[in-house]
Amino acid sequence: MPPAPTETVLELKPKNRFELIDVSQESGNKLGDSIQNYAKAAYCSLHTTAGFLEQSLAARLLHSKDHLDPFIRVFRKLFPPNMNYLHDQLELRTELSDEQKRDEPLNADSHLIFISSGLKNCVTYKNVPGQPVYFVELDGINVNSPPRTRRANVIYYNQEETVHTMRMAIPVSNHPIDSVNLRDSRVGFMDELQELLRKFDIEKGKIDITLDNDERNAGLTVNEYETLLMRHDLIDVLRNPFLYIAQKGKHMLENPRAIPEKTLNYAKYDLVHIFNEMMDAFRCSSSVVEKILAKFLQVPAERFLRMKRDITLMASNNGDSNESHILQGRYQSPILVQWRSNEIGYRYVDVKLTRFK
């Protein structure tokens, strides 16, 4: 009989603001050779500025720091630190006490990098011994905060069993660009998911939430639902993904569409260097870079930003006899983002409940 799923909680202590930590190696050091008896592994970050790439993308990056680093660096250049993000203007943050404001990190850039690069709070991988799985840390060291300890849950298992599927309607506003906090009790979304875990007696498993195939101009992420971040900084990005590069004042990226394609000297602009780094990560040729760059200047933000159409929430009883619960960090919220309104005032998501065996 195959072994029952096993779970461990890793405590990670980053030494740099941006860091790639191999949690597969960390969990192997903690659990030993027993993890080789499992076919799959589920990884879950409890933080809004640290997460994982999906295995398919990690494979394209050769599961290598040498390729993953420049991929993330693209988004770090798009969203530099200390660019007057509203989220970082702590005097405007009415939900924080004066004491909290003294320790609150200025990390809007890290949140925007997480959302835009397609990092996920929870992913599942085929368990390949010796193959690294990187915890992508975007805000490990901050001058306004004490040293951080990060947590990652890892569940090893062999099989998945789909126990329930359903479609849920999410009410949205008629604002063209808006976001919905699915953790808000008034929406009732998380309460319904927790009831499903109870109904189907899931000890360890996951909940996949995917936008319906007919939904357009919308995406899903798991991050901090802070008003200034979600209703101002993120909206600015969706309207103009070049905004924070432009503010640096180095080059003519204030209005990229105004640059004539035939006279564009790629070597003069930060944009081409950003794309060169991304294409190097994917091992693309310079001609491919030029073709993508020429097309990129003509497309809206939603085609560039890697906003996901699906998110995953992990569930576990943490080895107790009590019922399982959704693994969530204090500041994590599932969030639906739209950059164009629809007529009916709802967006539909498909929910799949899976048991690990």
Protein backbone atom coordinates (compact mmCIF):
# COMPACT_ATOMS: atom_id res chain seq x y z
CA MET A 1 0.00 0.00 0.00
CA PRO A 2 1.40 3.44 -0.91
CA PRO A 3 2.24 5.69 2.03
CA ALA A 4 -0.30 8.24 3.24
CA PRO A 5 0.37 11.90 2.43
CA THR A 6 2.88 13.56 4.69
CA GLU A 7 3.34 17.24 5.45
CA THR A 8 6.10 19.45 6.74
CA VAL A 9 6.37 23.15 7.51
CA LEU A 10 9.61 24.85 6.54
CA GLU A 11 10.91 27.97 8.25
CA LEU A 12 13.05 29.95 5.82
CA LYS A 13 15.33 32.85 6.75
CA PRO A 14 16.19 34.89 3.64
CA LYS A 15 19.47 36.81 3.66
CA ASN A 16 18.61 39.16 0.77
CA ARG A 17 15.58 41.09 -0.39
CA PHE A 18 15.40 38.99 -3.57
CA GLU A 19 16.40 35.38 -3.08
CA LEU A 20 15.76 31.97 -4.63
CA ILE A 21 15.52 29.22 -1.99
CA ASP A 22 15.38 25.53 -2.97
CA VAL A 23 12.57 24.23 -0.77
CA SER A 24 12.82 20.75 -2.27
CA GLN A 25 16.30 20.47 -0.80
CA GLU A 26 15.14 22.04 2.48
CA SER A 27 12.28 19.54 2.87
CA GLY A 28 14.59 16.66 1.90
CA ASN A 29 17.01 17.71 4.62
CA LYS A 30 14.13 17.67 7.10
CA LEU A 31 12.27 14.50 6.04
CA GLY A 32 15.12 12.46 4.61
CA ASP A 33 14.89 9.81 1.89
CA SER A 34 11.23 9.07 2.68
CA ILE A 35 10.12 11.79 0.24
CA GLN A 36 11.35 9.61 -2.61
CA ASN A 37 8.34 7.34 -1.98
CA TYR A 38 5.97 10.04 -3.25
CA ALA A 39 5.09 10.88 -6.84
CA LYS A 40 3.94 14.47 -6.25
CA ALA A 41 4.53 17.43 -3.97
CA ALA A 42 2.36 20.44 -3.20
CA TYR A 43 4.10 23.63 -2.13
CA CYS A 44 2.32 26.50 -0.40
CA SER A 45 3.65 29.95 0.54
CA LEU A 46 1.87 31.83 3.32
CA HIS A 47 3.14 35.20 2.09
CA THR A 48 2.09 37.86 -0.42
CA THR A 49 5.59 38.75 -1.61
CA ALA A 50 7.03 35.24 -1.93
CA GLY A 51 5.76 32.29 -3.96
CA PHE A 52 6.43 29.72 -6.65
CA LEU A 53 6.49 29.38 -10.42
CA GLU A 54 4.34 26.67 -11.94
CA GLN A 55 6.30 23.58 -12.87
CA SER A 56 5.75 24.05 -16.62
CA LEU A 57 7.33 27.51 -16.51
CA ALA A 58 10.11 26.35 -14.20
CA ALA A 59 10.87 23.59 -16.72
CA ARG A 60 11.19 26.14 -19.52
CA LEU A 61 13.66 27.94 -17.28
CA LEU A 62 15.53 24.64 -16.83
CA HIS A 63 14.85 24.64 -13.07
CA SER A 64 17.95 26.82 -12.96
CA LYS A 65 18.79 29.94 -10.99
CA ASP A 66 20.77 31.14 -14.01
CA HIS A 67 17.54 31.31 -16.02
CA LEU A 68 15.00 32.04 -13.30
CA ASP A 69 16.94 35.04 -11.99
CA PRO A 70 16.77 37.09 -15.23
CA PHE A 71 13.11 36.17 -15.69
CA ILE A 72 12.20 37.69 -12.32
CA ARG A 73 14.61 40.58 -12.91
CA VAL A 74 12.44 41.70 -15.83
CA PHE A 75 9.58 42.46 -13.47
CA ARG A 76 11.89 43.93 -10.83
CA LYS A 77 12.95 46.49 -13.43
CA LEU A 78 9.37 47.22 -14.41
CA PHE A 79 8.54 47.93 -10.76
CA PRO A 80 11.57 49.50 -9.06
CA PRO A 81 11.50 50.18 -5.33
CA ASN A 82 10.86 53.65 -3.90
CA MET A 83 8.76 54.94 -6.81
CA ASN A 84 6.16 56.81 -4.78
CA TYR A 85 3.65 53.97 -4.78
CA LEU A 86 0.57 54.92 -2.81
CA HIS A 87 0.82 51.65 -0.86
CA ASP A 88 4.17 52.88 0.48
CA GLN A 89 2.88 56.28 1.60
CA LEU A 90 2.26 55.08 5.10
CA GLU A 91 0.65 58.31 6.25
CA LEU A 92 -2.28 57.36 3.98
CA ARG A 93 -2.64 53.86 5.45
CA THR A 94 -5.50 54.37 7.91
CA GLU A 95 -5.64 50.66 8.84
CA LEU A 96 -2.16 50.85 10.43
CA SER A 97 -1.43 52.13 13.91
CA ASP A 98 1.45 54.55 14.48
CA GLU A 99 3.48 51.67 15.92
CA GLN A 100 2.77 49.48 12.89
CA LYS A 101 3.77 52.26 10.53
CA ARG A 102 7.23 52.36 12.11
CA ASP A 103 7.83 48.71 11.16
CA GLU A 104 5.75 48.44 7.98
CA PRO A 105 7.97 47.61 4.99
CA LEU A 106 7.82 49.75 1.86
CA ASN A 107 7.18 46.88 -0.51
CA ALA A 108 4.55 47.81 -3.09
CA ASP A 109 7.08 46.87 -5.78
CA SER A 110 7.31 43.33 -4.36
CA HIS A 111 3.53 42.91 -4.42
CA LEU A 112 3.32 44.14 -8.03
CA ILE A 113 6.17 41.87 -9.11
CA PHE A 114 4.43 38.88 -7.51
CA ILE A 115 1.13 39.62 -9.26
CA SER A 116 2.56 40.58 -12.64
CA SER A 117 5.14 37.81 -13.00
CA GLY A 118 2.55 35.09 -12.44
CA LEU A 119 3.95 33.79 -9.16
CA LYS A 120 1.52 31.59 -7.26
CA ASN A 121 0.97 30.99 -3.59
CA CYS A 122 0.38 27.25 -4.14
CA VAL A 123 1.67 24.89 -6.84
CA THR A 124 1.93 21.14 -7.37
CA TYR A 125 5.00 19.49 -8.89
CA LYS A 126 5.93 16.02 -9.98
CA ASN A 127 8.36 14.92 -7.29
CA VAL A 128 11.70 14.49 -9.02
CA PRO A 129 14.53 13.75 -6.56
CA GLY A 130 17.37 16.22 -6.97
CA GLN A 131 15.32 18.67 -9.03
CA PRO A 132 15.13 22.07 -7.30
CA VAL A 133 11.85 23.82 -6.54
CA TYR A 134 12.45 27.49 -5.86
CA PHE A 135 10.69 29.62 -3.29
CA VAL A 136 10.91 33.05 -4.93
CA GLU A 137 11.45 35.62 -2.18
CA LEU A 138 10.85 39.24 -3.24
CA ASP A 139 10.95 41.05 0.10
CA GLY A 140 13.20 39.07 2.40
CA ILE A 141 15.17 41.97 3.88
CA ASN A 142 13.66 45.41 4.40
CA VAL A 143 15.27 48.39 6.08
CA ASN A 144 12.08 49.26 7.93
CA SER A 145 11.50 45.75 9.30
CA PRO A 146 13.24 43.19 11.52
CA PRO A 147 14.68 40.05 9.83
CA ARG A 148 11.92 37.88 8.41
CA THR A 149 11.13 34.24 8.92
CA ARG A 150 9.15 32.83 6.00
CA ARG A 151 6.97 29.72 6.10
CA ALA A 152 6.26 27.20 3.37
CA ASN A 153 4.03 24.13 3.73
CA VAL A 154 4.99 21.06 1.70
CA ILE A 155 2.66 18.07 1.27
CA TYR A 156 3.97 14.90 -0.38
CA TYR A 157 1.41 12.51 -1.86
CA ASN A 158 0.90 9.96 -4.63
CA GLN A 159 -2.56 10.37 -6.12
CA GLU A 160 -5.26 12.99 -6.63
CA GLU A 161 -8.98 12.34 -6.45
CA THR A 162 -11.47 14.92 -7.71
CA VAL A 163 -14.35 14.84 -5.25
CA HIS A 164 -16.47 17.83 -6.30
CA THR A 165 -16.80 20.49 -9.00
CA MET A 166 -19.08 23.49 -9.16
CA ARG A 167 -19.48 26.93 -10.73
CA MET A 168 -19.72 30.05 -8.60
CA ALA A 169 -20.79 33.59 -9.53
CA ILE A 170 -18.68 36.48 -8.24
CA PRO A 171 -20.39 39.90 -8.16
CA VAL A 172 -18.28 42.65 -9.78
CA SER A 173 -18.77 46.39 -10.18
CA ASN A 174 -19.35 48.23 -13.43
CA HIS A 175 -16.01 50.01 -13.13
CA PRO A 176 -13.79 49.17 -16.12
CA ILE A 177 -10.79 48.40 -13.87
CA ASP A 178 -11.56 46.93 -10.47
CA SER A 179 -10.73 44.16 -8.03
CA VAL A 180 -12.79 41.96 -5.70
CA ASN A 181 -11.49 40.63 -2.39
CA LEU A 182 -12.78 37.04 -2.30
CA ARG A 183 -11.81 36.76 1.37
CA ASP A 184 -14.33 39.47 2.27
CA SER A 185 -17.04 37.86 4.41
CA ARG A 186 -19.68 39.87 2.54
CA VAL A 187 -18.83 37.95 -0.64
CA GLY A 188 -19.19 34.61 1.16
CA PHE A 189 -16.73 32.87 -1.16
CA MET A 190 -14.29 31.51 1.42
CA ASP A 191 -17.07 30.40 3.76
CA GLU A 192 -18.53 28.29 0.98
CA LEU A 193 -15.14 26.72 0.22
CA GLN A 194 -14.60 25.89 3.88
CA GLU A 195 -18.02 24.25 3.98
CA LEU A 196 -17.02 22.07 1.01
CA LEU A 197 -13.93 20.86 2.90
CA ARG A 198 -16.15 19.94 5.83
CA LYS A 199 -18.80 18.27 3.68
CA PHE A 200 -16.35 16.04 1.81
CA ASP A 201 -14.07 15.41 4.79
CA ILE A 202 -10.83 16.45 3.08
CA GLU A 203 -7.79 15.90 5.30
CA LYS A 204 -5.22 17.07 2.78
CA GLY A 205 -5.98 18.41 -0.66
CA LYS A 206 -6.44 21.50 -2.78
CA ILE A 207 -9.08 23.76 -4.26
CA ASP A 208 -8.50 24.91 -7.84
CA ILE A 209 -10.35 28.10 -8.82
CA THR A 210 -10.42 28.93 -12.54
CA LEU A 211 -12.12 31.66 -14.51
CA ASP A 212 -14.81 30.29 -16.78
CA ASN A 213 -13.63 29.85 -20.38
CA ASP A 214 -15.98 32.58 -21.56
CA GLU A 215 -14.61 35.16 -19.14
CA ARG A 216 -12.39 37.79 -20.73
CA ASN A 217 -10.42 40.80 -19.46
CA ALA A 218 -10.02 39.38 -15.96
CA GLY A 219 -7.49 37.49 -13.88
CA LEU A 220 -6.96 35.88 -10.48
CA THR A 221 -4.22 36.21 -7.93
CA VAL A 222 -3.59 35.68 -4.22
CA ASN A 223 -2.14 38.74 -2.54
CA GLU A 224 -2.68 41.45 0.05
CA TYR A 225 -5.96 43.24 -0.48
CA GLU A 226 -4.84 46.67 0.68
CA THR A 227 -6.96 49.48 -0.76
CA LEU A 228 -4.16 51.73 -2.03
CA LEU A 229 -2.30 48.77 -3.55
CA MET A 230 -5.27 47.11 -5.24
CA ARG A 231 -7.36 50.15 -6.20
CA HIS A 232 -4.58 52.55 -7.16
CA ASP A 233 -1.10 51.08 -7.73
CA LEU A 234 -2.29 47.93 -9.51
CA ILE A 235 -4.80 49.90 -11.56
CA ASP A 236 -2.01 52.26 -12.66
CA VAL A 237 -0.01 49.23 -13.80
CA LEU A 238 -2.93 47.81 -15.78
CA ARG A 239 -3.40 51.15 -17.51
CA ASN A 240 0.30 51.61 -18.25
CA PRO A 241 2.80 48.83 -17.46
CA PHE A 242 5.67 51.20 -18.34
CA LEU A 243 4.68 53.81 -15.76
CA TYR A 244 7.41 53.20 -13.20
CA ILE A 245 10.18 52.85 -15.77
CA ALA A 246 9.01 56.12 -17.28
CA GLN A 247 9.19 57.86 -13.92
CA LYS A 248 12.89 57.10 -13.77
CA GLY A 249 13.23 59.66 -16.57
CA LYS A 250 15.98 57.80 -18.39
CA HIS A 251 14.37 57.28 -21.78
CA MET A 252 11.34 57.86 -23.98
CA LEU A 253 9.07 55.27 -22.41
CA GLU A 254 6.43 57.74 -21.23
CA ASN A 255 4.41 56.89 -24.32
CA PRO A 256 5.95 53.87 -26.06
CA ARG A 257 3.34 53.80 -28.82
CA ALA A 258 4.56 57.24 -29.93
CA ILE A 259 7.96 55.81 -30.86
CA PRO A 260 7.93 55.06 -34.62
CA GLU A 261 8.64 51.40 -35.12
CA LYS A 262 10.94 51.94 -38.11
CA THR A 263 13.14 54.44 -36.31
CA LEU A 264 13.21 52.72 -32.94
CA ASN A 265 16.81 52.19 -31.91
CA TYR A 266 16.42 49.24 -29.61
CA ALA A 267 19.79 49.65 -27.99
CA LYS A 268 18.82 53.03 -26.48
CA TYR A 269 15.91 51.93 -24.41
CA ASP A 270 15.58 50.06 -21.12
CA LEU A 271 12.76 48.05 -22.65
CA VAL A 272 14.98 46.12 -25.02
CA HIS A 273 17.39 45.24 -22.22
CA ILE A 274 14.47 43.95 -20.18
CA PHE A 275 13.32 41.80 -23.07
CA ASN A 276 16.83 40.61 -23.81
CA GLU A 277 17.06 39.30 -20.27
CA MET A 278 13.73 37.53 -20.52
CA MET A 279 14.57 35.99 -23.88
CA ASP A 280 17.97 34.92 -22.59
CA ALA A 281 16.19 33.14 -19.76
CA PHE A 282 14.12 31.27 -22.35
CA ARG A 283 17.12 30.86 -24.69
CA CYS A 284 15.57 32.83 -27.57
CA SER A 285 17.53 34.43 -30.39
CA SER A 286 17.95 38.19 -30.90
CA SER A 287 15.65 38.10 -33.94
CA VAL A 288 12.91 36.67 -31.77
CA VAL A 289 13.50 39.47 -29.27
CA GLU A 290 13.05 42.11 -31.96
CA LYS A 291 9.86 40.57 -33.29
CA ILE A 292 8.34 40.31 -29.83
CA LEU A 293 9.40 43.84 -28.94
CA ALA A 294 7.86 45.31 -32.09
CA LYS A 295 4.54 43.61 -31.37
CA PHE A 296 4.71 44.34 -27.66
CA LEU A 297 4.64 48.11 -28.15
CA GLN A 298 1.22 47.73 -29.75
CA VAL A 299 -0.57 45.55 -27.20
CA PRO A 300 -2.37 46.43 -23.97
CA ALA A 301 -1.15 45.64 -20.49
CA GLU A 302 -3.21 42.51 -19.98
CA ARG A 303 -1.34 40.69 -22.75
CA PHE A 304 2.03 41.49 -21.21
CA LEU A 305 1.39 41.01 -17.52
CA ARG A 306 1.30 37.34 -16.62
CA MET A 307 -1.98 37.66 -14.70
CA LYS A 308 -3.27 34.16 -14.08
CA ARG A 309 -6.71 32.77 -14.89
CA ASP A 310 -6.48 30.28 -12.06
CA ILE A 311 -5.33 30.04 -8.47
CA THR A 312 -4.94 27.15 -6.05
CA LEU A 313 -5.67 27.05 -2.34
CA MET A 314 -4.17 24.24 -0.26
CA ALA A 315 -6.10 22.51 2.52
CA SER A 316 -4.78 20.50 5.45
CA ASN A 317 -5.69 19.32 8.92
CA ASN A 318 -2.04 19.83 9.92
CA GLY A 319 -1.92 16.32 11.32
CA ASP A 320 -4.61 17.03 13.91
CA SER A 321 -7.87 15.18 14.36
CA ASN A 322 -9.71 18.45 13.80
CA GLU A 323 -11.21 19.31 10.44
CA SER A 324 -8.98 20.67 7.72
CA HIS A 325 -8.79 24.33 6.81
CA ILE A 326 -7.51 26.41 3.93
CA LEU A 327 -3.83 27.27 4.37
CA GLN A 328 -3.63 31.05 4.32
CA GLY A 329 -1.27 33.66 5.60
CA ARG A 330 -2.50 36.60 7.62
CA TYR A 331 -2.47 38.98 4.67
CA GLN A 332 -3.34 36.59 1.84
CA SER A 333 -6.59 37.03 -0.05
CA PRO A 334 -7.81 35.44 -3.28
CA ILE A 335 -8.46 38.41 -5.58
CA LEU A 336 -10.35 38.73 -8.85
CA VAL A 337 -9.08 41.59 -11.02
CA GLN A 338 -10.87 42.92 -14.09
CA TRP A 339 -9.59 45.50 -16.57
CA ARG A 340 -12.81 45.79 -18.54
CA SER A 341 -16.33 45.64 -17.16
CA ASN A 342 -18.97 43.22 -18.39
CA GLU A 343 -22.70 43.75 -18.79
CA ILE A 344 -24.14 41.25 -16.32
CA GLY A 345 -22.33 42.31 -13.12
CA TYR A 346 -20.99 38.82 -12.39
CA ARG A 347 -17.97 36.78 -13.33
CA TYR A 348 -18.03 33.00 -13.12
CA VAL A 349 -15.34 30.74 -11.72
CA ASP A 350 -15.11 26.96 -11.80
CA VAL A 351 -14.16 25.32 -8.51
CA LYS A 352 -12.61 21.85 -8.24
CA LEU A 353 -12.03 20.12 -4.92
CA THR A 354 -9.25 17.52 -4.88
CA ARG A 355 -8.23 15.03 -2.19
CA PHE A 356 -4.58 13.98 -1.86
CA LYS A 357 -4.05 10.22 -1.41
